[in-house]
Amino acid sequence: MIYDGIGSIGLYRGVAKGLDVLIDWLADADLATLPDGVVGIDGDRVFANVMTVPTRTFEEGRFEVHRRYMDVQTDIVGAERFATTRAPVAGEGPFDEVTDKGYGRVAPGEGRVLWGGLGGDAFVAFMAGEWHMPNVAPAGVPGSVVRKVCFKVLDDRYWDAG
């Protein structure tokens, strides 16, 4: 996981091929003007999902994981919390290869959850294979809504075949 201010994303040049493409694209982008939906950047290797979503409590959420893509998330309007964990995660149902998404919950007795927040200029990058839970309501702000962008960045293992 990378967690920083979006203005500092250039510090992570070289971490992944697709992240470099995103860094270059962000130099000229105005996130506030992006339309909802999928915005192309580099075909199916790097693209943006722009959405308006309600936040939820931790108990209502599930951890998610992706095998092929890194998620780079930032809020355009509003604020949310996110969670990640190093604890074992019990998968729920089959992994969906088409959407590149699986769901799970932290295994019983394993309460090690790490928290961060988005809003302002913060961004987080969850690497492929890293369990994370986005869209969690900030403490004391139940039922809020955020407008956000989730950049999907193809993992280097799939880049040349992508």
C-alpha atoms as a PDB file:
ATOM      1  CA  MET A   1       0.000   0.000   0.000  1.00  0.00           C
ATOM      2  CA  ILE A   2       1.065   3.537  -0.765  1.00  0.00           C
ATOM      3  CA  TYR A   3      -0.676   6.332   1.142  1.00  0.00           C
ATOM      4  CA  ASP A   4       0.232   9.949   0.439  1.00  0.00           C
ATOM      5  CA  GLY A   5      -0.948  13.260  -1.006  1.00  0.00           C
ATOM      6  CA  ILE A   6      -1.852  13.200  -4.697  1.00  0.00           C
ATOM      7  CA  GLY A   7       0.617  16.043  -5.282  1.00  0.00           C
ATOM      8  CA  SER A   8       3.387  13.665  -4.218  1.00  0.00           C
ATOM      9  CA  ILE A   9       2.413  10.767  -6.461  1.00  0.00           C
ATOM     10  CA  GLY A  10       5.428  11.473  -8.691  1.00  0.00           C
ATOM     11  CA  LEU A  11       7.664  10.207  -5.873  1.00  0.00           C
ATOM     12  CA  TYR A  12       6.432   6.696  -6.727  1.00  0.00           C
ATOM     13  CA  ARG A  13       7.616   6.752 -10.336  1.00  0.00           C
ATOM     14  CA  GLY A  14       9.241   3.417 -11.106  1.00  0.00           C
ATOM     15  CA  VAL A  15       7.091   1.336  -8.745  1.00  0.00           C
ATOM     16  CA  ALA A  16       5.020  -0.042 -11.639  1.00  0.00           C
ATOM     17  CA  LYS A  17       4.777   0.595 -15.382  1.00  0.00           C
ATOM     18  CA  GLY A  18       1.108   1.500 -15.171  1.00  0.00           C
ATOM     19  CA  LEU A  19       1.645   3.786 -12.218  1.00  0.00           C
ATOM     20  CA  ASP A  20       4.127   5.736 -14.353  1.00  0.00           C
ATOM     21  CA  VAL A  21       1.449   6.070 -17.072  1.00  0.00           C
ATOM     22  CA  LEU A  22      -1.016   7.323 -14.457  1.00  0.00           C
ATOM     23  CA  ILE A  23       1.493   9.803 -13.019  1.00  0.00           C
ATOM     24  CA  ASP A  24       2.057  11.262 -16.507  1.00  0.00           C
ATOM     25  CA  TRP A  25      -1.699  11.455 -17.151  1.00  0.00           C
ATOM     26  CA  LEU A  26      -2.393  13.150 -13.814  1.00  0.00           C
ATOM     27  CA  ALA A  27       0.027  15.970 -14.685  1.00  0.00           C
ATOM     28  CA  ASP A  28      -2.603  17.431 -17.052  1.00  0.00           C
ATOM     29  CA  ALA A  29      -5.817  16.060 -15.540  1.00  0.00           C
ATOM     30  CA  ASP A  30      -8.504  17.931 -13.627  1.00  0.00           C
ATOM     31  CA  LEU A  31     -10.213  15.228 -11.585  1.00  0.00           C
ATOM     32  CA  ALA A  32     -13.141  17.511 -10.712  1.00  0.00           C
ATOM     33  CA  THR A  33     -14.210  17.642 -14.374  1.00  0.00           C
ATOM     34  CA  LEU A  34     -14.187  13.880 -15.023  1.00  0.00           C
ATOM     35  CA  PRO A  35     -17.597  12.416 -15.898  1.00  0.00           C
ATOM     36  CA  ASP A  36     -19.002   9.491 -13.935  1.00  0.00           C
ATOM     37  CA  GLY A  37     -18.192   6.146 -15.490  1.00  0.00           C
ATOM     38  CA  VAL A  38     -15.093   4.695 -17.106  1.00  0.00           C
ATOM     39  CA  VAL A  39     -12.487   7.149 -18.390  1.00  0.00           C
ATOM     40  CA  GLY A  40      -9.823   5.675 -20.659  1.00  0.00           C
ATOM     41  CA  ILE A  41      -6.160   6.404 -20.063  1.00  0.00           C
ATOM     42  CA  ASP A  42      -4.224   3.502 -21.652  1.00  0.00           C
ATOM     43  CA  GLY A  43      -6.784   1.007 -22.932  1.00  0.00           C
ATOM     44  CA  ASP A  44      -7.497  -1.789 -20.469  1.00  0.00           C
ATOM     45  CA  ARG A  45      -4.091  -1.340 -18.813  1.00  0.00           C
ATOM     46  CA  VAL A  46      -4.841   1.955 -17.026  1.00  0.00           C
ATOM     47  CA  PHE A  47      -8.286   3.506 -16.692  1.00  0.00           C
ATOM     48  CA  ALA A  48     -10.421   5.406 -14.208  1.00  0.00           C
ATOM     49  CA  ASN A  49     -13.752   4.473 -12.649  1.00  0.00           C
ATOM     50  CA  VAL A  50     -15.391   7.723 -11.547  1.00  0.00           C
ATOM     51  CA  MET A  51     -18.327   7.217  -9.209  1.00  0.00           C
ATOM     52  CA  THR A  52     -20.563   8.678  -6.550  1.00  0.00           C
ATOM     53  CA  VAL A  53     -21.047   6.146  -3.761  1.00  0.00           C
ATOM     54  CA  PRO A  54     -22.540   6.046  -0.281  1.00  0.00           C
ATOM     55  CA  THR A  55     -20.227   5.234   2.578  1.00  0.00           C
ATOM     56  CA  ARG A  56     -20.972   2.373   4.965  1.00  0.00           C
ATOM     57  CA  THR A  57     -19.998   1.187   8.379  1.00  0.00           C
ATOM     58  CA  PHE A  58     -17.127  -1.242   8.798  1.00  0.00           C
ATOM     59  CA  GLU A  59     -19.616  -3.945   9.779  1.00  0.00           C
ATOM     60  CA  GLU A  60     -21.574  -3.423   6.533  1.00  0.00           C
ATOM     61  CA  GLY A  61     -18.463  -3.634   4.385  1.00  0.00           C
ATOM     62  CA  ARG A  62     -16.337  -6.477   3.125  1.00  0.00           C
ATOM     63  CA  PHE A  63     -12.697  -6.576   2.202  1.00  0.00           C
ATOM     64  CA  GLU A  64     -11.986  -6.885  -1.506  1.00  0.00           C
ATOM     65  CA  VAL A  65      -8.965  -8.048  -3.460  1.00  0.00           C
ATOM     66  CA  HIS A  66      -7.847  -7.882  -7.093  1.00  0.00           C
ATOM     67  CA  ARG A  67      -5.374 -10.177  -8.827  1.00  0.00           C
ATOM     68  CA  ARG A  68      -4.627  -8.281 -12.027  1.00  0.00           C
ATOM     69  CA  TYR A  69      -5.062  -4.630 -11.048  1.00  0.00           C
ATOM     70  CA  MET A  70      -3.769  -2.171  -8.518  1.00  0.00           C
ATOM     71  CA  ASP A  71      -6.407   0.261  -7.167  1.00  0.00           C
ATOM     72  CA  VAL A  72      -5.342   3.900  -6.852  1.00  0.00           C
ATOM     73  CA  GLN A  73      -8.150   5.781  -5.112  1.00  0.00           C
ATOM     74  CA  THR A  74      -8.785   9.423  -4.275  1.00  0.00           C
ATOM     75  CA  ASP A  75     -11.898  11.358  -3.296  1.00  0.00           C
ATOM     76  CA  ILE A  76     -12.989  14.267  -5.479  1.00  0.00           C
ATOM     77  CA  VAL A  77     -15.812  15.434  -3.165  1.00  0.00           C
ATOM     78  CA  GLY A  78     -16.338  14.276   0.409  1.00  0.00           C
ATOM     79  CA  ALA A  79     -14.271  11.998   2.589  1.00  0.00           C
ATOM     80  CA  GLU A  80     -14.113   8.330   3.510  1.00  0.00           C
ATOM     81  CA  ARG A  81     -12.028   5.925   5.502  1.00  0.00           C
ATOM     82  CA  PHE A  82     -10.455   2.756   4.197  1.00  0.00           C
ATOM     83  CA  ALA A  83      -9.154  -0.341   5.909  1.00  0.00           C
ATOM     84  CA  THR A  84      -6.505  -2.874   5.048  1.00  0.00           C
ATOM     85  CA  THR A  85      -5.135  -5.785   6.997  1.00  0.00           C
ATOM     86  CA  ARG A  86      -2.191  -8.122   7.286  1.00  0.00           C
ATOM     87  CA  ALA A  87      -4.396 -10.637   9.097  1.00  0.00           C
ATOM     88  CA  PRO A  88      -5.776 -13.692   7.306  1.00  0.00           C
ATOM     89  CA  VAL A  89      -8.893 -12.947   5.273  1.00  0.00           C
ATOM     90  CA  ALA A  90     -11.559 -15.612   4.800  1.00  0.00           C
ATOM     91  CA  GLY A  91     -12.799 -15.445   1.222  1.00  0.00           C
ATOM     92  CA  GLU A  92     -16.550 -15.295   0.604  1.00  0.00           C
ATOM     93  CA  GLY A  93     -17.625 -16.970  -2.593  1.00  0.00           C
ATOM     94  CA  PRO A  94     -15.629 -17.513  -5.752  1.00  0.00           C
ATOM     95  CA  PHE A  95     -13.219 -14.944  -7.173  1.00  0.00           C
ATOM     96  CA  ASP A  96     -14.768 -13.207 -10.213  1.00  0.00           C
ATOM     97  CA  GLU A  97     -12.167 -13.289 -13.000  1.00  0.00           C
ATOM     98  CA  VAL A  98     -14.246 -10.997 -15.241  1.00  0.00           C
ATOM     99  CA  THR A  99     -14.419  -8.139 -12.722  1.00  0.00           C
ATOM    100  CA  ASP A 100     -11.076  -9.092 -11.122  1.00  0.00           C
ATOM    101  CA  LYS A 101     -12.631  -9.011  -7.672  1.00  0.00           C
ATOM    102  CA  GLY A 102     -12.976 -11.268  -4.674  1.00  0.00           C
ATOM    103  CA  TYR A 103     -14.546 -10.533  -1.299  1.00  0.00           C
ATOM    104  CA  GLY A 104     -13.783 -11.622   2.228  1.00  0.00           C
ATOM    105  CA  ARG A 105     -13.773 -10.808   5.919  1.00  0.00           C
ATOM    106  CA  VAL A 106     -10.983 -10.801   8.463  1.00  0.00           C
ATOM    107  CA  ALA A 107     -10.838 -14.269   9.978  1.00  0.00           C
ATOM    108  CA  PRO A 108     -12.419 -14.572  13.445  1.00  0.00           C
ATOM    109  CA  GLY A 109     -10.005 -13.696  16.220  1.00  0.00           C
ATOM    110  CA  GLU A 110      -7.810 -11.681  13.859  1.00  0.00           C
ATOM    111  CA  GLY A 111      -8.531  -8.035  14.565  1.00  0.00           C
ATOM    112  CA  ARG A 112      -5.508  -6.360  13.009  1.00  0.00           C
ATOM    113  CA  VAL A 113      -7.068  -3.731  10.790  1.00  0.00           C
ATOM    114  CA  LEU A 114      -5.101  -0.704   9.598  1.00  0.00           C
ATOM    115  CA  TRP A 115      -7.028   2.506   8.912  1.00  0.00           C
ATOM    116  CA  GLY A 116      -6.500   5.515   6.667  1.00  0.00           C
ATOM    117  CA  GLY A 117      -8.607   8.316   5.305  1.00  0.00           C
ATOM    118  CA  LEU A 118      -9.279   9.878   1.933  1.00  0.00           C
ATOM    119  CA  GLY A 119     -10.453  13.412   1.284  1.00  0.00           C
ATOM    120  CA  GLY A 120      -8.593  16.595   0.577  1.00  0.00           C
ATOM    121  CA  ASP A 121      -5.601  15.597  -1.529  1.00  0.00           C
ATOM    122  CA  ALA A 122      -4.988  12.097  -0.110  1.00  0.00           C
ATOM    123  CA  PHE A 123      -4.658   9.010  -2.287  1.00  0.00           C
ATOM    124  CA  VAL A 124      -4.093   5.352  -1.580  1.00  0.00           C
ATOM    125  CA  ALA A 125      -2.719   2.663  -3.867  1.00  0.00           C
ATOM    126  CA  PHE A 126      -3.603  -0.928  -3.036  1.00  0.00           C
ATOM    127  CA  MET A 127      -1.339  -3.374  -4.831  1.00  0.00           C
ATOM    128  CA  ALA A 128      -2.715  -6.398  -6.673  1.00  0.00           C
ATOM    129  CA  GLY A 129      -3.319  -9.088  -4.073  1.00  0.00           C
ATOM    130  CA  GLU A 130      -3.723  -6.648  -1.179  1.00  0.00           C
ATOM    131  CA  TRP A 131      -7.003  -6.921   0.735  1.00  0.00           C
ATOM    132  CA  HIS A 132      -8.716  -3.564   1.305  1.00  0.00           C
ATOM    133  CA  MET A 133     -12.085  -2.097   2.261  1.00  0.00           C
ATOM    134  CA  PRO A 134     -12.933   1.282   0.699  1.00  0.00           C
ATOM    135  CA  ASN A 135     -15.950   3.529   1.219  1.00  0.00           C
ATOM    136  CA  VAL A 136     -16.126   3.333   5.019  1.00  0.00           C
ATOM    137  CA  ALA A 137     -17.904   6.275   6.657  1.00  0.00           C
ATOM    138  CA  PRO A 138     -15.703   8.668   8.598  1.00  0.00           C
ATOM    139  CA  ALA A 139     -16.176   8.395  12.354  1.00  0.00           C
ATOM    140  CA  GLY A 140     -19.306  10.269  13.383  1.00  0.00           C
ATOM    141  CA  VAL A 141     -20.474  10.824   9.771  1.00  0.00           C
ATOM    142  CA  PRO A 142     -22.790   7.912   8.947  1.00  0.00           C
ATOM    143  CA  GLY A 143     -24.611   7.906   5.642  1.00  0.00           C
ATOM    144  CA  SER A 144     -22.281  10.268   3.817  1.00  0.00           C
ATOM    145  CA  VAL A 145     -21.669  10.181   0.068  1.00  0.00           C
ATOM    146  CA  VAL A 146     -18.364  10.580  -1.766  1.00  0.00           C
ATOM    147  CA  ARG A 147     -17.516  11.308  -5.361  1.00  0.00           C
ATOM    148  CA  LYS A 148     -14.313   9.474  -6.067  1.00  0.00           C
ATOM    149  CA  VAL A 149     -12.070   8.045  -8.692  1.00  0.00           C
ATOM    150  CA  CYS A 150     -10.641   4.546  -8.565  1.00  0.00           C
ATOM    151  CA  PHE A 151      -7.841   4.197 -11.071  1.00  0.00           C
ATOM    152  CA  LYS A 152      -7.277   0.622 -12.206  1.00  0.00           C
ATOM    153  CA  VAL A 153      -3.603  -0.022 -12.981  1.00  0.00           C
ATOM    154  CA  LEU A 154      -2.636  -3.361 -14.523  1.00  0.00           C
ATOM    155  CA  ASP A 155       0.001  -5.218 -12.518  1.00  0.00           C
ATOM    156  CA  ASP A 156       3.406  -5.468 -14.197  1.00  0.00           C
ATOM    157  CA  ARG A 157       3.077  -9.283 -14.395  1.00  0.00           C
ATOM    158  CA  TYR A 158       0.328  -8.788 -17.016  1.00  0.00           C
ATOM    159  CA  TRP A 159       1.547  -5.558 -18.640  1.00  0.00           C
ATOM    160  CA  ASP A 160       3.047  -6.866 -21.872  1.00  0.00           C
ATOM    161  CA  ALA A 161       0.213  -9.353 -22.394  1.00  0.00           C
ATOM    162  CA  GLY A 162      -2.366  -6.721 -21.372  1.00  0.00           C
END
